[in-house]
Amino acid sequence: MTGGSTAKEYPAQYFSASTIAAVLNYPLWRASAVGQSGFRVVLQSANYPPVLTHVASAVPQSLAPYFHAFSPPYKGLAATVMGMSWARAAIFYGSDRGKEILLSMGFANTTATVLPPLVVSTAVHHGISGLWHGTSAGILKTVPKYCTAIFVKDYFERVLPPVDPESEHKDREKLVHSAIKSSAAGVAGAALTNPLDVMQSVHFIMSLAGTSL
């Protein structure tokens, strides 16, 4: 947050932003899940609405997962968006609010930045008992991802020029700053943990099939 504002003043904005991000990223999440699982997507025209039938038959195989991900029907959209929205909002709001509290208590900036997302992301994704687990691919994925994302977001908050509260374009500048911080944080977190995403997908598929690695 900028301009002296604090996280506790904007809980609704955190949830709204998380919901919008989840909706917009749902097709990419579908494509990522398919790619990480190792499945080969075969487009069948009969599975798509008439307006997409001819397009589906002409899509190259390399683009098939993306065409499938962005095309209706969007099965599981509501459940996925609801799950991702509250989880992301809790992690980012809890991390920012936790950082403010730790800084006010005199903790070092590094500790205040890393500790809240470490605790909150583990608790959100794996429950309170997950704080005492340390070997699953899920924890190995989510904890570094959100710690990295929060660290990168805070870094850009420090290096980006502050928004002038008197500027007539201050709202647009705040939006641009938020987009830069969010994009950089998302890319950094995803790039770091993609191998562990693959591991988690493989473990999930194997558990459904009743087999082991």
Protein backbone atom coordinates (compact mmCIF):
# COMPACT_ATOMS: atom_id res chain seq x y z
CA MET A 1 0.00 0.00 0.00
CA THR A 2 1.17 3.56 -0.59
CA GLY A 3 0.56 7.03 0.72
CA GLY A 4 0.54 6.00 4.37
CA SER A 5 -2.44 3.65 3.97
CA THR A 6 -2.51 0.29 5.72
CA ALA A 7 -3.80 -3.15 4.79
CA LYS A 8 -6.49 -3.13 7.49
CA GLU A 9 -8.24 -0.27 5.66
CA TYR A 10 -8.84 -2.31 2.49
CA PRO A 11 -10.03 -5.88 3.22
CA ALA A 12 -12.81 -5.67 0.60
CA GLN A 13 -10.34 -4.50 -2.04
CA TYR A 14 -8.04 -7.43 -1.31
CA PHE A 15 -10.88 -9.91 -1.79
CA SER A 16 -12.24 -8.14 -4.89
CA ALA A 17 -8.82 -8.07 -6.54
CA SER A 18 -8.27 -11.75 -5.72
CA THR A 19 -11.65 -12.68 -7.20
CA ILE A 20 -11.04 -10.76 -10.42
CA ALA A 21 -7.57 -12.29 -10.76
CA ALA A 22 -8.97 -15.80 -10.21
CA VAL A 23 -11.66 -15.33 -12.89
CA LEU A 24 -9.25 -13.89 -15.47
CA ASN A 25 -6.60 -16.54 -14.78
CA TYR A 26 -8.96 -19.54 -14.75
CA PRO A 27 -8.30 -20.51 -18.42
CA LEU A 28 -4.55 -20.27 -17.88
CA TRP A 29 -4.91 -22.38 -14.73
CA ARG A 30 -6.69 -25.04 -16.82
CA ALA A 31 -3.95 -25.00 -19.44
CA SER A 32 -1.25 -25.18 -16.78
CA ALA A 33 -2.91 -28.12 -15.02
CA VAL A 34 -3.21 -30.06 -18.28
CA GLY A 35 0.40 -29.35 -19.25
CA GLN A 36 1.81 -30.30 -15.86
CA SER A 37 -0.18 -33.53 -15.75
CA GLY A 38 1.30 -34.71 -19.04
CA PHE A 39 -2.05 -35.26 -20.77
CA ARG A 40 -2.29 -34.82 -24.55
CA VAL A 41 -5.26 -32.72 -25.62
CA VAL A 42 -7.12 -33.97 -28.70
CA LEU A 43 -9.66 -31.46 -29.97
CA GLN A 44 -12.93 -32.99 -31.15
CA SER A 45 -15.26 -30.60 -32.94
CA ALA A 46 -18.34 -32.27 -31.47
CA ASN A 47 -17.30 -31.14 -27.99
CA TYR A 48 -17.50 -27.43 -28.81
CA PRO A 49 -20.30 -24.98 -29.67
CA PRO A 50 -21.09 -24.64 -33.41
CA VAL A 51 -19.30 -21.30 -33.65
CA LEU A 52 -16.03 -22.99 -32.59
CA THR A 53 -16.41 -26.25 -34.52
CA HIS A 54 -14.44 -25.23 -37.62
CA VAL A 55 -11.84 -23.39 -35.56
CA ALA A 56 -11.15 -26.45 -33.40
CA SER A 57 -10.36 -28.61 -36.42
CA ALA A 58 -7.75 -26.11 -37.63
CA VAL A 59 -5.90 -25.51 -34.35
CA PRO A 60 -2.29 -26.84 -34.33
CA GLN A 61 -1.56 -29.53 -31.74
CA SER A 62 0.89 -27.23 -29.93
CA LEU A 63 -1.95 -24.77 -29.26
CA ALA A 64 -4.61 -27.38 -28.46
CA PRO A 65 -4.25 -27.12 -24.64
CA TYR A 66 -4.76 -23.35 -24.77
CA PHE A 67 -7.74 -23.57 -27.13
CA HIS A 68 -9.31 -26.16 -24.85
CA ALA A 69 -8.59 -24.08 -21.74
CA PHE A 70 -10.15 -20.90 -23.13
CA SER A 71 -13.18 -22.61 -24.69
CA PRO A 72 -16.49 -23.40 -22.94
CA PRO A 73 -17.82 -25.27 -21.07
CA TYR A 74 -15.97 -23.93 -18.03
CA LYS A 75 -16.39 -26.93 -15.76
CA GLY A 76 -15.34 -26.30 -12.18
CA LEU A 77 -15.14 -22.53 -12.66
CA ALA A 78 -17.24 -21.60 -9.61
CA ALA A 79 -15.46 -23.97 -7.22
CA THR A 80 -12.02 -22.99 -8.47
CA VAL A 81 -12.66 -19.26 -8.34
CA MET A 82 -14.20 -19.41 -4.87
CA GLY A 83 -11.32 -21.47 -3.54
CA MET A 84 -8.60 -19.34 -5.11
CA SER A 85 -10.26 -16.02 -4.20
CA TRP A 86 -10.49 -16.44 -0.45
CA ALA A 87 -7.12 -18.20 -0.26
CA ARG A 88 -5.24 -15.48 -2.15
CA ALA A 89 -7.05 -12.69 -0.33
CA ALA A 90 -6.24 -14.28 3.03
CA ILE A 91 -2.59 -14.76 2.12
CA PHE A 92 -1.94 -11.29 0.73
CA TYR A 93 -4.08 -9.43 3.26
CA GLY A 94 -2.72 -11.50 6.14
CA SER A 95 0.85 -11.04 4.92
CA ASP A 96 0.56 -7.26 4.55
CA ARG A 97 -1.28 -6.86 7.86
CA GLY A 98 1.14 -9.20 9.60
CA LYS A 99 4.09 -7.22 8.26
CA GLU A 100 2.61 -3.98 9.62
CA ILE A 101 2.13 -5.55 13.06
CA LEU A 102 5.64 -7.04 13.18
CA LEU A 103 7.23 -3.76 12.08
CA SER A 104 5.30 -1.89 14.79
CA MET A 105 6.69 -4.40 17.31
CA GLY A 106 10.26 -3.64 16.23
CA PHE A 107 11.03 -6.69 14.08
CA ALA A 108 13.50 -6.34 11.21
CA ASN A 109 12.04 -5.64 7.77
CA THR A 110 13.26 -8.99 6.39
CA THR A 111 11.57 -10.95 9.18
CA ALA A 112 8.38 -8.90 8.87
CA THR A 113 8.30 -9.56 5.11
CA VAL A 114 8.98 -13.31 5.09
CA LEU A 115 7.34 -14.60 8.28
CA PRO A 116 3.66 -13.62 7.64
CA PRO A 117 3.33 -15.25 4.17
CA LEU A 118 5.22 -18.30 5.45
CA VAL A 119 2.71 -18.85 8.27
CA VAL A 120 -0.47 -17.66 6.52
CA SER A 121 0.06 -19.54 3.23
CA THR A 122 0.84 -22.80 5.06
CA ALA A 123 -2.21 -22.46 7.30
CA VAL A 124 -4.56 -21.53 4.43
CA HIS A 125 -3.54 -24.37 2.14
CA HIS A 126 -2.88 -27.12 4.66
CA GLY A 127 -4.67 -26.17 7.87
CA ILE A 128 -3.16 -25.35 11.21
CA SER A 129 -1.74 -28.86 11.48
CA GLY A 130 0.16 -28.17 8.24
CA LEU A 131 2.44 -25.84 10.18
CA TRP A 132 4.08 -28.98 11.60
CA HIS A 133 4.39 -30.83 8.30
CA GLY A 134 7.30 -30.25 5.99
CA THR A 135 7.66 -32.99 3.42
CA SER A 136 4.70 -32.79 1.02
CA ALA A 137 5.04 -31.36 -2.47
CA GLY A 138 2.11 -29.08 -1.70
CA ILE A 139 3.89 -27.27 1.12
CA LEU A 140 7.15 -27.22 -0.81
CA LYS A 141 5.24 -25.48 -3.60
CA THR A 142 2.93 -23.03 -1.85
CA VAL A 143 5.22 -21.70 0.86
CA PRO A 144 8.11 -20.63 -1.44
CA LYS A 145 5.63 -19.32 -4.02
CA TYR A 146 3.88 -16.90 -1.70
CA CYS A 147 7.01 -15.93 0.23
CA THR A 148 8.66 -15.06 -3.08
CA ALA A 149 5.59 -13.22 -4.35
CA ILE A 150 5.31 -11.09 -1.21
CA PHE A 151 9.04 -10.36 -1.21
CA VAL A 152 8.98 -9.24 -4.87
CA LYS A 153 5.84 -7.16 -4.29
CA ASP A 154 7.46 -5.40 -1.33
CA TYR A 155 10.63 -4.83 -3.35
CA PHE A 156 8.72 -3.04 -6.10
CA GLU A 157 6.84 -1.01 -3.51
CA ARG A 158 10.21 0.31 -2.35
CA VAL A 159 11.77 1.00 -5.76
CA LEU A 160 8.79 2.39 -7.67
CA PRO A 161 8.42 6.18 -7.40
CA PRO A 162 5.68 7.14 -4.91
CA VAL A 163 2.35 8.32 -6.28
CA ASP A 164 1.81 12.04 -5.84
CA PRO A 165 -1.43 12.41 -3.82
CA GLU A 166 -2.01 15.77 -5.51
CA SER A 167 -1.67 14.41 -9.05
CA GLU A 168 -4.80 14.45 -11.20
CA HIS A 169 -3.76 11.02 -12.51
CA LYS A 170 -3.11 9.48 -9.08
CA ASP A 171 -5.77 6.76 -9.47
CA ARG A 172 -4.32 5.64 -12.80
CA GLU A 173 -0.79 5.72 -11.40
CA LYS A 174 -1.85 3.59 -8.41
CA LEU A 175 -3.44 1.10 -10.82
CA VAL A 176 -0.25 0.93 -12.91
CA HIS A 177 1.87 0.43 -9.78
CA SER A 178 -0.44 -2.36 -8.60
CA ALA A 179 -0.30 -4.06 -12.01
CA ILE A 180 3.51 -3.93 -12.08
CA LYS A 181 3.84 -5.29 -8.54
CA SER A 182 1.28 -8.05 -9.06
CA SER A 183 2.69 -9.15 -12.43
CA ALA A 184 6.26 -9.29 -11.18
CA ALA A 185 5.25 -11.16 -8.02
CA GLY A 186 3.17 -13.67 -9.96
CA VAL A 187 5.88 -14.41 -12.52
CA ALA A 188 8.56 -14.82 -9.85
CA GLY A 189 6.44 -17.13 -7.71
CA ALA A 190 5.29 -19.27 -10.64
CA ALA A 191 8.75 -19.62 -12.17
CA LEU A 192 10.27 -20.71 -8.86
CA THR A 193 7.72 -23.39 -8.05
CA ASN A 194 6.68 -24.81 -11.44
CA PRO A 195 8.71 -28.03 -10.95
CA LEU A 196 6.89 -28.59 -7.66
CA ASP A 197 3.55 -27.90 -9.38
CA VAL A 198 4.38 -30.78 -11.72
CA MET A 199 5.23 -33.03 -8.77
CA GLN A 200 1.95 -32.20 -7.06
CA SER A 201 -0.06 -32.88 -10.23
CA VAL A 202 1.65 -36.24 -10.73
CA HIS A 203 1.05 -37.25 -7.10
CA PHE A 204 -2.64 -36.29 -7.44
CA ILE A 205 -3.06 -38.33 -10.63
CA MET A 206 -1.31 -41.33 -9.12
CA SER A 207 -3.48 -41.18 -6.00
CA LEU A 208 -6.64 -41.17 -8.14
CA ALA A 209 -5.35 -44.14 -10.11
CA GLY A 210 -4.38 -46.04 -6.97
CA THR A 211 -0.75 -46.32 -8.03
CA SER A 212 2.51 -44.94 -6.72
CA LEU A 213 5.60 -43.36 -8.25
